[in-house]
Amino acid sequence: MKPNGLARTLSSSETKGMGADFSIEGMCVDVLNSAIFAAEIEISGGKIAAITKKNKSYGVFIIPGLIDAHVHVESSMLVPAEFARLATAHGTVAAVCDPHEIANVLGTTGIDYMIENAATVPFKFFFGAPSCVPATGFETAGASVGAAAIEALLKRDEIRYLSEMMNYPGVINGDPGVMAKIRAAQKYGKPIDGHAPALRGSPCQTYVKMGISTDHECVSLDEALEKISYGMKILIREGSAARNFDVLSPLIAEHWADVMFCTDDIHPDALVRGHINLMVKRAIDAGHDIMKVLQCACVNPVLHYGLGDLDVGLLRVGDCADFAVLDGLESFNVLRTYVGGQLVSENGATLIAHAPYRIVNNFNAAPKSDSDFFVPKSDSTLKVIGVVDGQLITDKLSGKAKVSNGNLVSNIDDDILKIAAVNRYEKGTPPAVGFIHNFGLKDGALASSISHDSHNIIAVGTTDAYICEAVNLIVEHRGGLSAVSKDEKKILPLPVAGLMSTDDGLEVARRYAELNEFAIRLGSCLSAPFMMLSFMALLVIPHLKLSDKGVFDSDTFQFTSLFQDI
């Protein structure tokens, strides 16, 4: 017996993560039958060959591997292989992935890149066909994926579902292009993911009747319960910007069959600290039944997305040997993770090797000048984007900028800062400029080429000069995150589509954490400044946002003036 209580009969090659035949003993957690029993599990050829009950007691527990039911891998700033290296350390064996971000930059070429890179590591990635590329016609995107391209994607075995249908007005109103994509998913028998924040009542019922099966955008328990009553599955999200676990976790008690866990958008420093395991631990600590929690975390994604048989195992004879070994169900400390019978992490460290990865990109922006961010003086009151920390929704506020040499500039005292969106795909186009509250910077500027959904450059700062400098750092490196002040400037290059790094995930996480700390030293009061900045151009989320083409009112779904009385 090993010191941690796990009796193993492993070959030397398995110990090195080679995936040879072996057996493992412990307390088997059979979630499907709500049973826990001592067992020896035999693995052969990457599958579970036998499960033999034992008249013993063990100090470790074997559970089905955890699954992230909705994630944009690109938001981790890591290529899929590096995402897998970090996620497996936390007991995650699979992820349902929407390659929407890279598709907005590179179209189907980007989707193919994600599939190719994901295939290099032992982890179960399940990719969808992005339904909204571009997400709207009110911003400049790098590519378009129309109905014909969506059908071609859905024909492919490796494309498992139609990913989040953000254009819910198009669904409700029967837009021909939207309906063609939905019909294609239905034709090939593939699920359709939803994205409908605050959609309620009759419009929501119409949306669901068109075959939309999930939503990860609920911000209230009442909204989630209503959508469950219409037949939707609710994904409880705990990402780096949007966090809904506290509000929605009561669903687990009565509606565990209709709930899954997801991160949606998770940054690398957060992924180093934990993944779906943290949501499971919080649910257990809150008193939820362990079997109901594991149903949400392990089983429901398999059932909903049809990931059974040869895809993701659930600790049954004949299943793929995808599981995690814990030191206890209450502590939920992951000792080891196995994917397809291969040991991929041990004691919190990945056993998947880092490798060099090729780079793809679409970046054509030219450097800017301070004068490009000039806003002529006006006595009118400004419309101001109000940041809500931890939420994608913004407020519509009003306020006054300061005036300097006929230019409206940041009002640091009132925390009304200038924000700019810069077209990354075309040279010579002027930036769009707005104003934002609750970012908190007292000095310097931040910029990012991660800017949902089209991933133009987004920047916020205390002076036009700082904003320009931060933007030009992004342009110089053809993508990345930057922060500048009088005495210091930092850049995290993201050469893959301006979204992802090819570096080791732990190193990317370290450098990103340094950037966040720098942003906080510059005065930002937000928990994840760069993540929140990236959503200020997300036009499909209410209420006020900034496109590279101008200030946008997400309630009326049209451009609006920067000024209140125009």
Protein backbone atom coordinates (compact mmCIF):
# COMPACT_ATOMS: atom_id res chain seq x y z
CA MET A 1 0.00 0.00 0.00
CA LYS A 2 1.33 3.40 -0.98
CA PRO A 3 1.56 6.07 1.74
CA ASN A 4 -1.45 7.88 0.27
CA GLY A 5 -3.59 4.75 0.62
CA LEU A 6 -3.70 3.77 -3.05
CA ALA A 7 -2.95 0.14 -3.81
CA ARG A 8 -1.64 -0.09 -7.35
CA THR A 9 -0.24 -2.81 -9.55
CA LEU A 10 1.31 -0.63 -12.22
CA SER A 11 3.83 -1.44 -14.88
CA SER A 12 6.90 0.75 -15.10
CA SER A 13 5.75 2.16 -18.42
CA GLU A 14 2.39 3.22 -16.92
CA THR A 15 4.17 4.98 -14.11
CA LYS A 16 5.81 7.13 -16.78
CA GLY A 17 2.43 7.94 -18.32
CA MET A 18 2.79 5.54 -21.25
CA GLY A 19 -0.69 4.04 -20.84
CA ALA A 20 0.20 0.33 -20.63
CA ASP A 21 -2.22 -2.23 -19.16
CA PHE A 22 -2.53 -1.96 -15.39
CA SER A 23 -4.96 -2.18 -12.51
CA ILE A 24 -5.81 0.33 -9.81
CA GLU A 25 -7.64 -0.07 -6.48
CA GLY A 26 -9.62 2.40 -4.46
CA MET A 27 -13.14 3.46 -3.61
CA CYS A 28 -14.96 3.50 -6.95
CA VAL A 29 -17.48 6.36 -7.23
CA ASP A 30 -20.24 5.08 -9.51
CA VAL A 31 -22.10 8.31 -10.20
CA LEU A 32 -24.60 6.77 -12.60
CA ASN A 33 -25.87 4.45 -9.86
CA SER A 34 -25.13 6.73 -6.87
CA ALA A 35 -22.89 4.10 -5.29
CA ILE A 36 -19.44 4.04 -3.72
CA PHE A 37 -17.67 0.72 -3.28
CA ALA A 38 -14.18 -0.71 -2.94
CA ALA A 39 -12.96 -2.06 -6.25
CA GLU A 40 -10.07 -3.07 -8.42
CA ILE A 41 -10.33 -1.49 -11.87
CA GLU A 42 -8.44 -3.19 -14.68
CA ILE A 43 -7.37 -1.10 -17.66
CA SER A 44 -6.39 -2.62 -20.98
CA GLY A 45 -5.81 -0.83 -24.25
CA GLY A 46 -6.90 2.46 -22.74
CA LYS A 47 -10.30 1.09 -21.70
CA ILE A 48 -11.78 -0.34 -18.53
CA ALA A 49 -11.61 -4.12 -18.95
CA ALA A 50 -13.08 -5.12 -15.57
CA ILE A 51 -14.32 -3.70 -12.27
CA THR A 52 -14.09 -6.16 -9.39
CA LYS A 53 -15.60 -5.30 -6.03
CA LYS A 54 -13.35 -5.81 -3.03
CA ASN A 55 -14.13 -6.43 0.62
CA LYS A 56 -11.71 -3.70 1.71
CA SER A 57 -11.57 -0.04 2.55
CA TYR A 58 -9.29 2.42 0.79
CA GLY A 59 -8.19 5.93 1.59
CA VAL A 60 -8.55 7.18 -1.98
CA PHE A 61 -11.49 7.65 -4.34
CA ILE A 62 -11.69 7.11 -8.09
CA ILE A 63 -14.17 9.35 -9.91
CA PRO A 64 -15.05 9.89 -13.58
CA GLY A 65 -12.97 12.68 -15.05
CA LEU A 66 -14.29 16.24 -14.83
CA ILE A 67 -15.60 18.03 -17.93
CA ASP A 68 -15.75 21.73 -18.76
CA ALA A 69 -19.11 21.94 -20.54
CA HIS A 70 -18.42 25.23 -22.32
CA VAL A 71 -15.11 26.97 -22.81
CA HIS A 72 -13.34 29.17 -25.32
CA VAL A 73 -9.86 27.71 -25.06
CA GLU A 74 -8.48 30.81 -26.76
CA SER A 75 -9.43 32.91 -23.73
CA SER A 76 -6.89 31.01 -21.67
CA MET A 77 -4.30 32.60 -23.98
CA LEU A 78 -2.96 29.06 -24.46
CA VAL A 79 -3.11 26.79 -27.47
CA PRO A 80 -5.23 23.67 -26.76
CA ALA A 81 -2.23 21.49 -25.95
CA GLU A 82 -1.08 23.90 -23.25
CA PHE A 83 -4.62 24.28 -21.90
CA ALA A 84 -4.70 20.49 -21.51
CA ARG A 85 -1.39 20.45 -19.65
CA LEU A 86 -2.81 22.77 -16.98
CA ALA A 87 -6.39 21.45 -16.84
CA THR A 88 -5.48 17.79 -16.35
CA ALA A 89 -3.64 18.65 -13.12
CA HIS A 90 -7.09 19.43 -11.66
CA GLY A 91 -8.83 16.21 -12.71
CA THR A 92 -10.28 17.55 -15.98
CA VAL A 93 -10.24 15.06 -18.83
CA ALA A 94 -12.42 16.79 -21.43
CA ALA A 95 -13.78 20.13 -22.59
CA VAL A 96 -16.65 21.14 -24.86
CA CYS A 97 -15.02 23.93 -26.84
CA ASP A 98 -16.38 26.77 -28.93
CA PRO A 99 -13.60 28.00 -31.27
CA HIS A 100 -15.60 31.18 -31.82
CA GLU A 101 -12.71 33.47 -30.95
CA ILE A 102 -10.16 32.20 -33.45
CA ALA A 103 -12.91 31.78 -36.07
CA ASN A 104 -13.62 35.52 -35.85
CA VAL A 105 -9.96 36.11 -36.69
CA LEU A 106 -9.20 33.34 -39.19
CA GLY A 107 -12.46 31.58 -40.09
CA THR A 108 -12.34 27.84 -40.72
CA THR A 109 -8.54 27.99 -40.95
CA GLY A 110 -8.53 28.87 -37.26
CA ILE A 111 -10.93 26.05 -36.38
CA ASP A 112 -8.72 23.57 -38.21
CA TYR A 113 -5.72 24.90 -36.29
CA MET A 114 -7.45 24.25 -32.95
CA ILE A 115 -8.40 20.69 -33.94
CA GLU A 116 -4.89 19.98 -35.21
CA ASN A 117 -3.20 21.32 -32.09
CA ALA A 118 -5.64 19.56 -29.74
CA ALA A 119 -4.86 16.21 -31.36
CA THR A 120 -1.25 16.38 -30.17
CA VAL A 121 -2.08 15.68 -26.50
CA PRO A 122 -4.01 13.07 -24.45
CA PHE A 123 -7.09 15.15 -23.61
CA LYS A 124 -10.64 15.01 -24.95
CA PHE A 125 -11.46 18.23 -26.86
CA PHE A 126 -14.91 18.43 -28.47
CA PHE A 127 -15.23 21.37 -30.84
CA GLY A 128 -18.37 23.07 -32.10
CA ALA A 129 -19.17 25.00 -35.27
CA PRO A 130 -19.23 28.71 -34.31
CA SER A 131 -22.72 29.97 -35.14
CA CYS A 132 -22.06 33.72 -35.10
CA VAL A 133 -18.97 34.70 -37.08
CA PRO A 134 -18.98 37.61 -37.23
CA ALA A 135 -21.10 38.02 -34.13
CA THR A 136 -22.67 41.20 -35.51
CA GLY A 137 -22.37 43.43 -38.54
CA PHE A 138 -21.47 46.35 -36.33
CA GLU A 139 -17.75 45.58 -35.99
CA THR A 140 -14.86 44.63 -38.22
CA ALA A 141 -14.05 40.94 -38.07
CA GLY A 142 -11.26 38.96 -39.68
CA ALA A 143 -13.51 36.33 -41.25
CA SER A 144 -17.05 35.21 -41.92
CA VAL A 145 -18.45 31.71 -41.45
CA GLY A 146 -21.77 31.56 -43.27
CA ALA A 147 -24.49 28.93 -43.41
CA ALA A 148 -22.78 26.87 -46.13
CA ALA A 149 -19.52 26.79 -44.16
CA ILE A 150 -21.42 25.84 -41.00
CA GLU A 151 -23.06 22.92 -42.76
CA ALA A 152 -19.70 21.78 -44.11
CA LEU A 153 -18.31 21.89 -40.57
CA LEU A 154 -21.25 20.02 -39.06
CA LYS A 155 -20.77 17.21 -41.58
CA ARG A 156 -17.40 16.51 -40.00
CA ASP A 157 -17.18 13.91 -37.24
CA GLU A 158 -14.86 16.08 -35.15
CA ILE A 159 -17.40 18.93 -35.02
CA ARG A 160 -19.83 17.84 -32.33
CA TYR A 161 -22.41 20.64 -32.00
CA LEU A 162 -23.52 24.08 -33.16
CA SER A 163 -21.96 26.42 -30.66
CA GLU A 164 -23.64 29.26 -28.82
CA MET A 165 -26.33 30.94 -30.87
CA MET A 166 -25.78 34.50 -29.69
CA ASN A 167 -28.04 36.01 -32.32
CA TYR A 168 -31.20 35.31 -30.37
CA PRO A 169 -33.09 38.12 -32.13
CA GLY A 170 -32.30 36.33 -35.38
CA VAL A 171 -33.66 33.07 -33.98
CA ILE A 172 -36.84 34.67 -32.64
CA ASN A 173 -37.49 36.58 -35.87
CA GLY A 174 -36.66 33.66 -38.17
CA ASP A 175 -33.64 35.22 -39.88
CA PRO A 176 -32.96 33.01 -42.96
CA GLY A 177 -29.20 32.74 -42.36
CA VAL A 178 -29.65 31.86 -38.71
CA MET A 179 -32.37 29.32 -39.48
CA ALA A 180 -30.18 27.67 -42.12
CA LYS A 181 -27.49 27.04 -39.48
CA ILE A 182 -30.04 25.63 -37.05
CA ARG A 183 -31.48 23.33 -39.73
CA ALA A 184 -27.98 22.08 -40.55
CA ALA A 185 -27.40 21.10 -36.91
CA GLN A 186 -30.75 19.34 -36.82
CA LYS A 187 -29.98 17.59 -40.11
CA TYR A 188 -26.84 16.04 -38.67
CA GLY A 189 -28.37 15.36 -35.25
CA LYS A 190 -26.04 17.68 -33.35
CA PRO A 191 -26.96 19.75 -30.26
CA ILE A 192 -27.34 23.53 -30.43
CA ASP A 193 -25.90 25.68 -27.66
CA GLY A 194 -27.58 28.89 -26.55
CA HIS A 195 -26.53 32.33 -25.39
CA ALA A 196 -29.47 34.48 -24.31
CA PRO A 197 -28.78 36.76 -21.35
CA ALA A 198 -31.97 37.99 -19.65
CA LEU A 199 -34.21 36.48 -22.35
CA ARG A 200 -37.49 35.60 -20.66
CA GLY A 201 -41.14 34.80 -21.38
CA SER A 202 -42.57 34.23 -24.84
CA PRO A 203 -39.42 35.26 -26.75
CA CYS A 204 -37.40 32.74 -24.73
CA GLN A 205 -39.96 30.02 -25.42
CA THR A 206 -39.67 30.72 -29.14
CA TYR A 207 -35.89 30.55 -28.87
CA VAL A 208 -36.01 27.18 -27.13
CA LYS A 209 -38.59 25.75 -29.56
CA MET A 210 -36.11 26.30 -32.37
CA GLY A 211 -33.89 23.65 -30.77
CA ILE A 212 -31.64 25.78 -28.58
CA SER A 213 -30.75 23.46 -25.71
CA THR A 214 -28.42 25.24 -23.26
CA ASP A 215 -27.69 28.62 -21.72
CA HIS A 216 -24.60 29.75 -19.80
CA GLU A 217 -25.65 33.40 -19.47
CA CYS A 218 -28.22 33.28 -16.65
CA VAL A 219 -27.55 35.89 -13.99
CA SER A 220 -30.48 35.13 -11.65
CA LEU A 221 -31.97 31.99 -10.18
CA ASP A 222 -35.44 32.89 -11.45
CA GLU A 223 -34.14 33.22 -14.99
CA ALA A 224 -32.43 29.83 -14.78
CA LEU A 225 -35.51 28.12 -13.34
CA GLU A 226 -37.69 29.59 -16.07
CA LYS A 227 -35.34 28.33 -18.77
CA ILE A 228 -35.21 24.88 -17.19
CA SER A 229 -39.02 24.83 -17.28
CA TYR A 230 -38.81 25.39 -21.05
CA GLY A 231 -36.47 22.40 -21.39
CA MET A 232 -33.05 24.06 -21.39
CA LYS A 233 -29.93 22.81 -19.65
CA ILE A 234 -28.26 25.48 -17.50
CA LEU A 235 -24.50 25.79 -17.40
CA ILE A 236 -23.26 27.28 -14.15
CA ARG A 237 -20.32 29.46 -15.10
CA GLU A 238 -17.33 30.41 -13.02
CA GLY A 239 -14.79 32.06 -15.28
CA SER A 240 -12.24 34.82 -14.89
CA ALA A 241 -14.71 37.64 -15.59
CA ALA A 242 -18.24 36.27 -15.29
CA ARG A 243 -18.97 34.31 -12.13
CA ASN A 244 -22.45 32.95 -11.48
CA PHE A 245 -21.79 30.03 -9.14
CA ASP A 246 -23.06 31.67 -5.96
CA VAL A 247 -26.32 32.74 -7.60
CA LEU A 248 -27.03 29.55 -9.57
CA SER A 249 -25.59 26.75 -7.41
CA PRO A 250 -28.93 26.26 -5.54
CA LEU A 251 -30.12 24.62 -8.78
CA ILE A 252 -28.02 21.56 -7.89
CA ALA A 253 -30.35 20.47 -5.08
CA GLU A 254 -33.44 19.88 -7.23
CA HIS A 255 -32.33 20.24 -10.82
CA TRP A 256 -29.00 18.41 -10.91
CA ALA A 257 -30.06 16.53 -14.05
CA ASP A 258 -30.37 19.84 -15.91
CA VAL A 259 -27.13 21.48 -14.77
CA MET A 260 -23.53 21.43 -16.00
CA PHE A 261 -20.41 23.30 -14.91
CA CYS A 262 -18.31 25.49 -17.18
CA THR A 263 -15.70 28.23 -17.14
CA ASP A 264 -16.56 29.88 -20.50
CA ASP A 265 -13.56 32.24 -20.38
CA ILE A 266 -10.70 31.41 -18.01
CA HIS A 267 -7.34 33.15 -17.90
CA PRO A 268 -4.09 31.20 -17.45
CA ASP A 269 -3.32 32.30 -13.88
CA ALA A 270 -6.78 31.10 -12.79
CA LEU A 271 -6.31 27.81 -14.65
CA VAL A 272 -3.09 27.19 -12.75
CA ARG A 273 -5.00 27.54 -9.47
CA GLY A 274 -7.88 25.27 -10.43
CA HIS A 275 -10.61 24.39 -12.86
CA ILE A 276 -13.93 22.52 -12.59
CA ASN A 277 -12.58 20.90 -9.41
CA LEU A 278 -12.95 24.22 -7.60
CA MET A 279 -16.64 24.40 -8.49
CA VAL A 280 -17.15 20.85 -7.27
CA LYS A 281 -15.37 21.61 -4.01
CA ARG A 282 -17.48 24.74 -3.44
CA ALA A 283 -20.68 22.79 -4.08
CA ILE A 284 -19.65 20.08 -1.62
CA ASP A 285 -18.67 22.67 0.98
CA ALA A 286 -22.11 24.26 0.52
CA GLY A 287 -23.70 20.97 1.54
CA HIS A 288 -24.81 19.62 -1.83
CA ASP A 289 -24.96 15.87 -2.27
CA ILE A 290 -21.70 14.60 -3.81
CA MET A 291 -23.49 12.41 -6.34
CA LYS A 292 -25.61 15.30 -7.58
CA VAL A 293 -22.53 17.49 -7.87
CA LEU A 294 -20.59 14.87 -9.81
CA GLN A 295 -23.61 14.31 -12.05
CA CYS A 296 -23.26 17.97 -13.05
CA ALA A 297 -19.47 17.88 -13.34
CA CYS A 298 -18.89 14.51 -15.01
CA VAL A 299 -22.03 12.88 -16.36
CA ASN A 300 -24.40 15.50 -17.77
CA PRO A 301 -22.00 16.80 -20.45
CA VAL A 302 -21.50 13.24 -21.67
CA LEU A 303 -25.24 12.67 -21.85
CA HIS A 304 -26.16 16.01 -23.39
CA TYR A 305 -23.44 16.16 -26.05
CA GLY A 306 -23.48 12.43 -26.78
CA LEU A 307 -19.93 11.84 -25.60
CA GLY A 308 -20.42 8.23 -24.51
CA ASP A 309 -18.98 5.01 -25.84
CA LEU A 310 -15.53 5.80 -27.23
CA ASP A 311 -15.45 9.48 -26.23
CA VAL A 312 -15.42 10.05 -22.45
CA GLY A 313 -15.64 7.21 -19.96
CA LEU A 314 -17.84 7.14 -16.87
CA LEU A 315 -16.17 4.28 -14.96
CA ARG A 316 -18.05 1.47 -16.66
CA VAL A 317 -16.66 -1.71 -18.17
CA GLY A 318 -15.89 -0.98 -21.82
CA ASP A 319 -15.56 2.78 -21.28
CA CYS A 320 -12.44 4.76 -22.00
CA ALA A 321 -10.30 4.89 -18.87
CA ASP A 322 -10.82 8.60 -18.14
CA PHE A 323 -10.78 9.23 -14.40
CA ALA A 324 -9.24 11.09 -11.50
CA VAL A 325 -7.92 9.77 -8.20
CA LEU A 326 -8.68 11.84 -5.08
CA ASP A 327 -7.45 11.70 -1.51
CA GLY A 328 -11.05 12.21 -0.30
CA LEU A 329 -14.42 13.36 -1.58
CA GLU A 330 -14.73 16.25 0.85
CA SER A 331 -11.17 17.52 0.45
CA PHE A 332 -11.35 16.82 -3.30
CA ASN A 333 -7.59 16.97 -3.76
CA VAL A 334 -6.65 15.47 -7.12
CA LEU A 335 -3.75 13.05 -6.84
CA ARG A 336 -3.72 11.72 -10.40
CA THR A 337 -5.56 12.12 -13.65
CA TYR A 338 -5.85 9.49 -16.39
CA VAL A 339 -7.01 10.03 -19.96
CA GLY A 340 -7.52 6.93 -22.08
CA GLY A 341 -5.61 4.93 -19.50
CA GLN A 342 -2.62 7.28 -19.68
CA LEU A 343 -1.35 8.95 -16.53
CA VAL A 344 -1.35 12.64 -17.52
CA SER A 345 -0.85 14.38 -14.18
CA GLU A 346 0.39 13.48 -10.73
CA ASN A 347 0.37 15.49 -7.50
CA GLY A 348 -0.69 18.67 -9.27
CA ALA A 349 1.95 18.51 -12.00
CA THR A 350 1.36 17.70 -15.65
CA LEU A 351 3.09 14.73 -17.25
CA ILE A 352 2.27 15.96 -20.76
CA ALA A 353 5.38 17.31 -22.46
CA HIS A 354 5.53 20.84 -23.85
CA ALA A 355 6.23 20.97 -27.57
CA PRO A 356 6.82 23.68 -30.20
CA TYR A 357 3.65 24.70 -32.04
CA ARG A 358 3.16 26.44 -35.37
CA ILE A 359 1.73 29.96 -35.55
CA VAL A 360 -1.20 31.33 -37.55
CA ASN A 361 -2.35 34.95 -37.50
CA ASN A 362 -4.32 37.70 -39.24
CA PHE A 363 -3.02 41.07 -38.13
CA ASN A 364 -2.70 44.13 -40.37
CA ALA A 365 -2.94 47.17 -38.09
CA ALA A 366 -0.46 50.00 -38.48
CA PRO A 367 0.98 52.11 -35.62
CA LYS A 368 -1.15 54.99 -34.35
CA SER A 369 -0.39 58.56 -33.30
CA ASP A 370 -1.60 60.40 -30.19
CA SER A 371 -3.78 62.62 -32.38
CA ASP A 372 -5.74 59.60 -33.61
CA PHE A 373 -7.46 59.47 -30.21
CA PHE A 374 -8.51 63.14 -30.22
CA VAL A 375 -12.17 63.90 -29.34
CA PRO A 376 -13.22 67.50 -30.14
CA LYS A 377 -14.43 69.53 -27.17
CA SER A 378 -18.17 69.52 -26.49
CA ASP A 379 -20.24 70.90 -23.65
CA SER A 380 -22.62 67.94 -23.90
CA THR A 381 -22.79 65.23 -21.26
CA LEU A 382 -21.05 62.01 -22.25
CA LYS A 383 -22.57 58.54 -22.44
CA VAL A 384 -20.28 56.46 -20.28
CA ILE A 385 -19.79 52.68 -20.19
CA GLY A 386 -20.19 51.47 -16.61
CA VAL A 387 -18.08 48.42 -15.80
CA VAL A 388 -19.67 45.86 -13.44
CA ASP A 389 -16.87 43.79 -11.94
CA GLY A 390 -17.43 40.06 -12.43
CA GLN A 391 -20.18 40.53 -15.04
CA LEU A 392 -20.28 40.91 -18.82
CA ILE A 393 -23.22 43.31 -18.57
CA THR A 394 -22.32 47.00 -18.42
CA ASP A 395 -24.30 50.01 -17.18
CA LYS A 396 -25.32 53.08 -19.15
CA LEU A 397 -23.98 56.06 -17.24
CA SER A 398 -23.37 59.72 -17.90
CA GLY A 399 -20.53 62.04 -16.98
CA LYS A 400 -18.06 64.67 -18.00
CA ALA A 401 -14.57 64.37 -19.42
CA LYS A 402 -11.88 66.96 -18.93
CA VAL A 403 -10.78 69.33 -21.70
CA SER A 404 -7.17 69.80 -22.76
CA ASN A 405 -6.30 71.91 -25.81
CA GLY A 406 -9.76 71.39 -27.27
CA ASN A 407 -9.59 67.62 -26.72
CA LEU A 408 -11.83 65.64 -24.38
CA VAL A 409 -9.48 63.60 -22.19
CA SER A 410 -9.73 61.22 -19.25
CA ASN A 411 -11.20 62.59 -16.02
CA ILE A 412 -9.13 60.65 -13.52
CA ASP A 413 -10.71 62.29 -10.47
CA ASP A 414 -14.17 61.02 -11.43
CA ASP A 415 -12.83 57.76 -12.91
CA ILE A 416 -14.15 58.58 -16.39
CA LEU A 417 -11.38 57.29 -18.63
CA LYS A 418 -10.96 57.30 -22.37
CA ILE A 419 -11.39 53.92 -24.06
CA ALA A 420 -10.52 53.17 -27.68
CA ALA A 421 -11.14 50.35 -30.16
CA VAL A 422 -8.68 50.01 -33.04
CA ASN A 423 -9.32 47.97 -36.21
CA ARG A 424 -6.62 45.30 -36.37
CA TYR A 425 -7.51 43.99 -39.83
CA GLU A 426 -7.23 47.12 -41.99
CA LYS A 427 -4.55 49.81 -42.14
CA GLY A 428 -5.49 53.46 -42.00
CA THR A 429 -8.84 53.24 -40.23
CA PRO A 430 -9.31 55.70 -37.35
CA PRO A 431 -9.92 54.38 -33.82
CA ALA A 432 -13.35 54.56 -32.24
CA VAL A 433 -13.29 56.40 -28.91
CA GLY A 434 -15.59 56.35 -25.89
CA PHE A 435 -15.46 56.83 -22.14
CA ILE A 436 -15.68 54.30 -19.32
CA HIS A 437 -16.26 54.34 -15.55
CA ASN A 438 -15.11 51.98 -12.78
CA PHE A 439 -11.86 50.91 -14.40
CA GLY A 440 -9.98 52.86 -11.76
CA LEU A 441 -6.66 53.60 -13.47
CA LYS A 442 -4.77 56.50 -11.94
CA ASP A 443 -1.81 56.26 -14.29
CA GLY A 444 -0.83 54.68 -17.61
CA ALA A 445 -2.87 52.54 -19.97
CA LEU A 446 -3.78 48.94 -20.81
CA ALA A 447 -4.38 47.42 -24.26
CA SER A 448 -5.35 44.02 -25.60
CA SER A 449 -5.89 42.25 -28.92
CA ILE A 450 -8.26 39.93 -27.07
CA SER A 451 -11.44 41.91 -27.58
CA HIS A 452 -14.65 39.94 -27.91
CA ASP A 453 -15.97 39.09 -30.35
CA SER A 454 -13.96 40.31 -33.35
CA HIS A 455 -10.70 40.82 -31.48
CA ASN A 456 -9.77 44.27 -32.60
CA ILE A 457 -7.45 46.15 -30.25
CA ILE A 458 -9.13 47.61 -27.16
CA ALA A 459 -7.35 50.08 -24.87
CA VAL A 460 -8.11 52.23 -21.82
CA GLY A 461 -5.90 54.83 -20.25
CA THR A 462 -5.34 58.06 -18.40
CA THR A 463 -3.88 59.99 -21.37
CA ASP A 464 -4.02 59.75 -25.14
CA ALA A 465 -0.25 59.31 -25.23
CA TYR A 466 -0.36 56.31 -22.90
CA ILE A 467 -3.26 54.77 -24.85
CA CYS A 468 -1.31 55.20 -28.10
CA GLU A 469 1.84 53.67 -26.61
CA ALA A 470 -0.07 50.64 -25.30
CA VAL A 471 -1.78 50.14 -28.66
CA ASN A 472 1.47 50.40 -30.57
CA LEU A 473 3.08 47.72 -28.40
CA ILE A 474 0.27 45.39 -29.51
CA VAL A 475 0.77 46.39 -33.14
CA GLU A 476 4.53 45.81 -32.91
CA HIS A 477 4.05 42.24 -31.65
CA ARG A 478 1.03 41.50 -33.90
CA GLY A 479 -1.10 40.72 -30.88
CA GLY A 480 -0.87 40.54 -27.13
CA LEU A 481 -1.61 42.29 -23.85
CA SER A 482 0.23 45.45 -22.88
CA ALA A 483 0.47 47.86 -19.97
CA VAL A 484 2.42 51.12 -19.84
CA SER A 485 3.21 53.88 -17.37
CA LYS A 486 5.73 56.69 -17.17
CA ASP A 487 8.50 54.40 -15.96
CA GLU A 488 7.56 50.96 -17.19
CA LYS A 489 6.01 49.04 -20.06
CA LYS A 490 5.12 45.36 -20.31
CA ILE A 491 3.91 43.14 -23.14
CA LEU A 492 2.69 39.54 -23.23
CA PRO A 493 2.94 38.60 -26.92
CA LEU A 494 0.11 36.42 -28.29
CA PRO A 495 1.34 35.43 -31.76
CA VAL A 496 -1.33 32.80 -32.51
CA ALA A 497 -4.21 34.82 -33.99
CA GLY A 498 -3.39 37.62 -31.54
CA LEU A 499 -5.12 35.43 -28.95
CA MET A 500 -2.75 32.70 -27.77
CA SER A 501 0.85 32.07 -26.84
CA THR A 502 2.86 29.03 -27.85
CA ASP A 503 4.92 29.20 -24.64
CA ASP A 504 4.67 26.83 -21.70
CA GLY A 505 1.36 27.42 -19.93
CA LEU A 506 2.94 27.99 -16.53
CA GLU A 507 5.20 30.68 -17.95
CA VAL A 508 2.29 32.39 -19.70
CA ALA A 509 0.34 32.30 -16.44
CA ARG A 510 3.26 33.87 -14.57
CA ARG A 511 3.66 36.68 -17.09
CA TYR A 512 -0.07 37.32 -17.21
CA ALA A 513 -0.18 37.53 -13.40
CA GLU A 514 2.62 40.10 -13.54
CA LEU A 515 0.60 42.16 -16.02
CA ASN A 516 -2.47 42.01 -13.80
CA GLU A 517 -0.42 43.09 -10.80
CA PHE A 518 0.96 45.98 -12.85
CA ALA A 519 -2.59 47.02 -13.81
CA ILE A 520 -3.57 47.01 -10.15
CA ARG A 521 -0.53 49.14 -9.28
CA LEU A 522 -1.73 51.57 -11.93
CA GLY A 523 -4.94 51.85 -9.91
CA SER A 524 -7.38 49.37 -11.46
CA CYS A 525 -10.00 48.28 -8.94
CA LEU A 526 -11.16 45.26 -11.00
CA SER A 527 -10.50 41.64 -10.09
CA ALA A 528 -9.40 40.81 -13.65
CA PRO A 529 -8.63 44.09 -15.49
CA PHE A 530 -7.57 42.57 -18.82
CA MET A 531 -10.47 40.12 -18.89
CA MET A 532 -12.95 42.89 -18.19
CA LEU A 533 -11.33 45.10 -20.83
CA SER A 534 -11.71 42.34 -23.40
CA PHE A 535 -15.50 42.35 -22.95
CA MET A 536 -16.01 46.08 -23.44
CA ALA A 537 -16.44 45.44 -27.17
CA LEU A 538 -18.86 42.50 -26.71
CA LEU A 539 -21.82 44.06 -28.47
CA VAL A 540 -24.26 41.19 -27.89
CA ILE A 541 -24.24 41.75 -24.12
CA PRO A 542 -26.17 44.77 -22.73
CA HIS A 543 -26.02 47.63 -22.24
CA LEU A 544 -23.37 50.01 -23.63
CA LYS A 545 -20.22 48.87 -25.45
CA LEU A 546 -17.59 50.12 -27.91
CA SER A 547 -17.06 48.67 -31.38
CA ASP A 548 -14.14 49.63 -33.61
CA LYS A 549 -16.86 51.53 -35.53
CA GLY A 550 -18.31 53.49 -32.62
CA VAL A 551 -20.28 53.54 -29.35
CA PHE A 552 -22.95 50.83 -29.43
CA ASP A 553 -26.25 50.53 -27.56
CA SER A 554 -26.87 46.80 -27.07
CA ASP A 555 -30.48 47.40 -25.98
CA THR A 556 -31.51 49.04 -29.25
CA PHE A 557 -28.83 47.08 -31.15
CA GLN A 558 -27.56 50.11 -33.01
CA PHE A 559 -24.82 52.70 -32.84
CA THR A 560 -25.41 55.68 -30.61
CA SER A 561 -23.82 59.07 -30.13
CA LEU A 562 -21.03 59.55 -27.62
CA PHE A 563 -23.06 62.46 -26.26
CA GLN A 564 -26.35 62.42 -24.35
CA ASP A 565 -28.21 65.14 -26.24
CA ILE A 566 -27.31 64.24 -29.80
